């Protein structure tokens, strides 16, 4: 299994509030985590880095004994880091509005657990076909699901980055956790909206299907987002089974 990750500032932001990381426990199992922070001052950066480091370091000390136990551990760990981010905001007024998306893939054997909060995404490329596995927890998506706007309609730009779920958004950080088989040749892409708002799914699929290394694919995705405007921070983690 090959893992490649990168996070860049983009062309229009003055700081990078995205944060990525991947960690292994003592059994050699892998967890990949991507977070896209929001908030005033440097709050977004702190929220994102707190999320990734907290979950990653906890996983390094976690022993996988069963799927059920590991699902419970992941759910509890996300709840714990949410509480930590909320408490940091209460104690420090400058961090009071900080929050972050998070998307997590935890691999063991030939399967993985997947969960997320916010609009950072996970895609699966299988048999050359790209599929989005996550549903954006965004205000725009909320309006679309309620039928108040149609997909593709122009939306107030002030609402485009509003998330309705995330770490630090509220005391409730309940997550849905999927258990998915990881087949030979599969590629799993975790990415922030700085990528998906600049690069179409069709182009993402085209790049992932290229005969390149994982690092080259991640770099190509990020370069394409920058070439298309780079309006936000851009981050990606690619996990390739390699067949």
Protein backbone atom coordinates (compact mmCIF):
# COMPACT_ATOMS: atom_id res chain seq x y z
CA UNK A 1 0.00 0.00 0.00
CA UNK A 2 1.35 3.40 -1.03
CA UNK A 3 0.41 6.65 0.74
CA UNK A 4 1.06 10.14 -0.60
CA UNK A 5 -0.04 13.43 0.97
CA UNK A 6 0.44 17.14 0.50
CA UNK A 7 -1.12 20.43 1.61
CA UNK A 8 -0.43 23.84 0.05
CA UNK A 9 -1.60 27.38 0.65
CA UNK A 10 -3.03 27.97 -2.84
CA UNK A 11 -2.81 31.27 -4.71
CA UNK A 12 -5.20 33.54 -2.82
CA UNK A 13 -4.93 32.75 0.90
CA UNK A 14 -2.36 34.22 3.28
CA UNK A 15 -2.14 31.12 5.48
CA UNK A 16 -2.81 27.39 5.25
CA UNK A 17 -5.65 26.22 7.50
CA UNK A 18 -5.67 22.69 6.03
CA UNK A 19 -3.78 19.93 7.80
CA UNK A 20 -3.08 16.34 6.77
CA UNK A 21 -1.45 13.36 8.39
CA UNK A 22 -1.23 9.60 8.37
CA UNK A 23 -0.16 7.32 11.20
CA UNK A 24 0.36 3.63 11.96
CA UNK A 25 -0.31 1.73 15.16
CA UNK A 26 1.90 -1.01 16.58
CA UNK A 27 0.07 -3.59 14.47
CA UNK A 28 1.02 -1.74 11.30
CA UNK A 29 -2.56 -0.59 10.60
CA UNK A 30 -2.92 2.79 8.90
CA UNK A 31 -5.09 5.82 9.56
CA UNK A 32 -5.25 8.82 7.19
CA UNK A 33 -6.76 12.12 8.37
CA UNK A 34 -7.45 15.38 6.56
CA UNK A 35 -8.88 18.54 8.13
CA UNK A 36 -9.86 21.94 6.72
CA UNK A 37 -10.05 24.55 9.46
CA UNK A 38 -12.24 27.63 9.72
CA UNK A 39 -12.19 30.53 12.15
CA UNK A 40 -10.74 33.93 12.83
CA UNK A 41 -7.07 34.73 13.43
CA UNK A 42 -5.16 31.44 13.40
CA UNK A 43 -8.07 29.45 14.83
CA UNK A 44 -8.71 27.38 11.72
CA UNK A 45 -5.13 26.22 11.57
CA UNK A 46 -5.19 25.29 15.27
CA UNK A 47 -8.50 23.42 14.97
CA UNK A 48 -7.31 21.43 11.96
CA UNK A 49 -3.92 20.51 13.40
CA UNK A 50 -5.51 19.60 16.74
CA UNK A 51 -7.95 17.26 15.01
CA UNK A 52 -5.33 15.44 12.95
CA UNK A 53 -2.70 15.14 15.69
CA UNK A 54 -5.20 14.12 18.40
CA UNK A 55 -6.78 11.35 16.31
CA UNK A 56 -3.45 10.22 14.87
CA UNK A 57 -1.65 10.01 18.19
CA UNK A 58 -4.57 8.20 19.80
CA UNK A 59 -4.52 5.66 16.97
CA UNK A 60 -0.83 4.95 17.48
CA UNK A 61 -1.79 3.60 20.92
CA UNK A 62 -4.94 1.80 19.78
CA UNK A 63 -4.92 -1.98 19.39
CA UNK A 64 -7.41 -3.28 16.83
CA UNK A 65 -9.23 -6.31 18.19
CA UNK A 66 -12.45 -6.19 16.17
CA UNK A 67 -14.38 -4.00 13.73
CA UNK A 68 -17.06 -3.27 16.32
CA UNK A 69 -14.54 -2.16 18.95
CA UNK A 70 -12.60 -0.03 16.46
CA UNK A 71 -15.79 1.67 15.24
CA UNK A 72 -16.63 2.51 18.85
CA UNK A 73 -13.07 3.75 19.42
CA UNK A 74 -13.18 5.99 16.34
CA UNK A 75 -16.57 7.44 17.26
CA UNK A 76 -15.40 8.17 20.82
CA UNK A 77 -12.09 9.66 19.66
CA UNK A 78 -13.88 12.06 17.32
CA UNK A 79 -16.22 13.04 20.16
CA UNK A 80 -13.20 13.59 22.44
CA UNK A 81 -11.36 15.83 19.98
CA UNK A 82 -14.55 17.77 19.31
CA UNK A 83 -14.87 18.44 23.03
CA UNK A 84 -11.23 19.51 23.13
CA UNK A 85 -11.68 22.01 20.28
CA UNK A 86 -14.88 23.40 21.84
CA UNK A 87 -13.13 23.80 25.22
CA UNK A 88 -10.16 25.57 23.59
CA UNK A 89 -12.60 28.05 22.05
CA UNK A 90 -14.28 28.69 25.39
CA UNK A 91 -10.99 29.27 27.22
CA UNK A 92 -9.46 31.55 24.56
CA UNK A 93 -11.76 34.22 23.08
CA UNK A 94 -9.56 34.56 19.99
CA UNK A 95 -10.36 30.91 19.17
CA UNK A 96 -14.08 31.08 19.96
CA UNK A 97 -15.25 30.61 16.36
CA UNK A 98 -12.74 28.01 15.28
CA UNK A 99 -13.88 24.72 13.80
CA UNK A 100 -12.72 22.21 11.24
CA UNK A 101 -13.92 19.60 8.81
CA UNK A 102 -12.45 16.15 9.14
CA UNK A 103 -12.35 13.06 6.95
CA UNK A 104 -10.82 9.84 8.25
CA UNK A 105 -9.98 6.49 6.66
CA UNK A 106 -8.75 3.72 8.94
CA UNK A 107 -7.26 0.68 7.18
CA UNK A 108 -6.78 -2.82 8.51
CA UNK A 109 -6.39 -5.94 6.46
CA UNK A 110 -8.40 -5.66 3.26
CA UNK A 111 -10.96 -3.19 4.61
CA UNK A 112 -11.26 0.30 5.99
CA UNK A 113 -13.53 2.44 8.12
CA UNK A 114 -14.56 5.80 6.67
CA UNK A 115 -16.12 8.78 8.44
CA UNK A 116 -16.30 12.54 8.02
CA UNK A 117 -17.77 15.83 9.18
CA UNK A 118 -18.03 18.85 6.89
CA UNK A 119 -17.33 19.22 3.18
CA UNK A 120 -13.93 17.59 2.87
CA UNK A 121 -14.42 14.54 0.69
CA UNK A 122 -13.41 10.97 0.06
CA UNK A 123 -13.38 9.45 -3.42
CA UNK A 124 -12.85 5.83 -4.45
CA UNK A 125 -11.34 4.93 -7.80
CA UNK A 126 -12.18 1.31 -8.62
CA UNK A 127 -11.84 -0.33 -12.03
CA UNK A 128 -11.04 3.11 -13.49
CA UNK A 129 -14.37 4.51 -12.23
CA UNK A 130 -14.50 7.38 -9.70
CA UNK A 131 -17.14 7.43 -6.97
CA UNK A 132 -17.67 10.04 -4.25
CA UNK A 133 -18.14 8.17 -0.97
CA UNK A 134 -18.96 11.13 1.28
CA UNK A 135 -21.86 13.59 1.24
CA UNK A 136 -20.95 17.23 1.94
CA UNK A 137 -22.20 18.51 5.29
CA UNK A 138 -22.53 22.01 3.83
CA UNK A 139 -25.27 24.61 4.06
CA UNK A 140 -25.61 24.57 0.27
CA UNK A 141 -26.12 20.80 0.27
CA UNK A 142 -28.62 21.22 3.12
CA UNK A 143 -30.64 23.65 0.98
CA UNK A 144 -30.44 21.31 -2.02
CA UNK A 145 -31.68 18.35 0.03
CA UNK A 146 -34.60 20.46 1.33
CA UNK A 147 -35.46 21.39 -2.24
CA UNK A 148 -35.02 25.12 -1.60
CA UNK A 149 -32.40 25.43 -4.34
CA UNK A 150 -31.44 23.24 -7.27
CA UNK A 151 -27.99 21.77 -7.77
CA UNK A 152 -26.07 24.09 -10.08
CA UNK A 153 -27.98 27.24 -9.16
CA UNK A 154 -25.91 30.26 -8.19
CA UNK A 155 -25.60 30.68 -4.41
CA UNK A 156 -24.64 33.68 -2.31
CA UNK A 157 -20.84 33.50 -2.13
CA UNK A 158 -21.00 34.13 1.64
CA UNK A 159 -22.76 30.79 2.05
CA UNK A 160 -20.48 28.68 -0.12
CA UNK A 161 -18.04 27.78 2.65
CA UNK A 162 -20.58 27.34 5.48
CA UNK A 163 -20.56 23.85 6.99
CA UNK A 164 -23.44 22.48 9.08
CA UNK A 165 -21.35 19.75 10.71
CA UNK A 166 -17.75 19.82 11.86
CA UNK A 167 -15.44 19.57 14.85
CA UNK A 168 -15.97 22.58 17.11
CA UNK A 169 -19.29 23.51 15.47
CA UNK A 170 -21.32 22.22 18.44
CA UNK A 171 -21.13 19.78 21.33
CA UNK A 172 -22.65 17.12 19.07
CA UNK A 173 -20.07 15.30 16.94
CA UNK A 174 -21.96 12.12 16.15
CA UNK A 175 -20.61 10.47 13.01
CA UNK A 176 -21.69 7.77 10.61
CA UNK A 177 -18.96 5.19 10.07
CA UNK A 178 -18.89 3.00 6.97
CA UNK A 179 -17.03 -0.29 6.70
CA UNK A 180 -15.78 -0.83 3.12
CA UNK A 181 -13.71 -3.52 1.41
CA UNK A 182 -10.41 -2.32 -0.10
CA UNK A 183 -9.87 -4.32 -3.27
CA UNK A 184 -6.68 -4.83 -5.29
CA UNK A 185 -6.05 -1.80 -7.48
CA UNK A 186 -8.34 0.53 -5.48
CA UNK A 187 -7.31 4.12 -4.87
CA UNK A 188 -8.80 6.20 -2.05
CA UNK A 189 -8.52 9.99 -2.20
CA UNK A 190 -9.16 12.28 0.78
CA UNK A 191 -9.25 15.96 -0.17
CA UNK A 192 -10.32 19.43 0.94
CA UNK A 193 -12.78 21.62 -0.96
CA UNK A 194 -9.86 23.70 -2.18
CA UNK A 195 -9.31 20.83 -4.60
CA UNK A 196 -12.88 19.85 -5.44
CA UNK A 197 -14.05 23.42 -6.10
CA UNK A 198 -11.21 23.93 -8.57
CA UNK A 199 -10.99 20.50 -10.22
CA UNK A 200 -13.90 18.55 -11.70
CA UNK A 201 -14.59 14.94 -10.82
CA UNK A 202 -13.85 14.07 -14.44
CA UNK A 203 -10.37 15.58 -14.18
CA UNK A 204 -9.74 13.93 -10.81
CA UNK A 205 -10.62 10.58 -12.37
CA UNK A 206 -8.38 11.24 -15.35
CA UNK A 207 -5.38 12.04 -13.12
CA UNK A 208 -5.91 9.05 -10.82
CA UNK A 209 -6.02 6.78 -13.87
CA UNK A 210 -2.64 8.02 -15.11
CA UNK A 211 0.44 5.80 -14.89
CA UNK A 212 2.10 7.89 -12.20
CA UNK A 213 3.28 7.34 -8.65
CA UNK A 214 0.97 8.32 -5.81
CA UNK A 215 3.08 11.40 -5.08
CA UNK A 216 2.99 12.45 -8.72
CA UNK A 217 -0.80 12.09 -8.79
CA UNK A 218 -1.23 14.20 -5.64
CA UNK A 219 1.11 16.85 -7.02
CA UNK A 220 -0.74 16.83 -10.36
CA UNK A 221 -4.11 17.28 -8.60
CA UNK A 222 -2.79 20.19 -6.52
CA UNK A 223 -1.06 21.83 -9.49
CA UNK A 224 -4.30 21.59 -11.49
CA UNK A 225 -6.27 23.26 -8.69
CA UNK A 226 -3.69 26.06 -8.57
CA UNK A 227 -3.72 26.41 -12.36
CA UNK A 228 -7.50 26.82 -12.17
CA UNK A 229 -7.26 29.67 -9.69
CA UNK A 230 -6.11 28.20 -6.38
CA UNK A 231 -8.77 30.13 -4.47
CA UNK A 232 -8.37 28.12 -1.26
CA UNK A 233 -5.87 25.94 0.53
CA UNK A 234 -5.49 22.63 -1.33
CA UNK A 235 -4.89 19.29 0.36
CA UNK A 236 -5.00 15.64 -0.62
CA UNK A 237 -4.08 12.20 0.70
CA UNK A 238 -4.00 9.28 -1.74
CA UNK A 239 -3.93 5.68 -0.61
CA UNK A 240 -3.21 3.23 -3.43
CA UNK A 241 -3.53 -0.52 -3.02
CA UNK A 242 -1.18 -0.96 -5.99
CA UNK A 243 -2.93 -4.19 -6.99
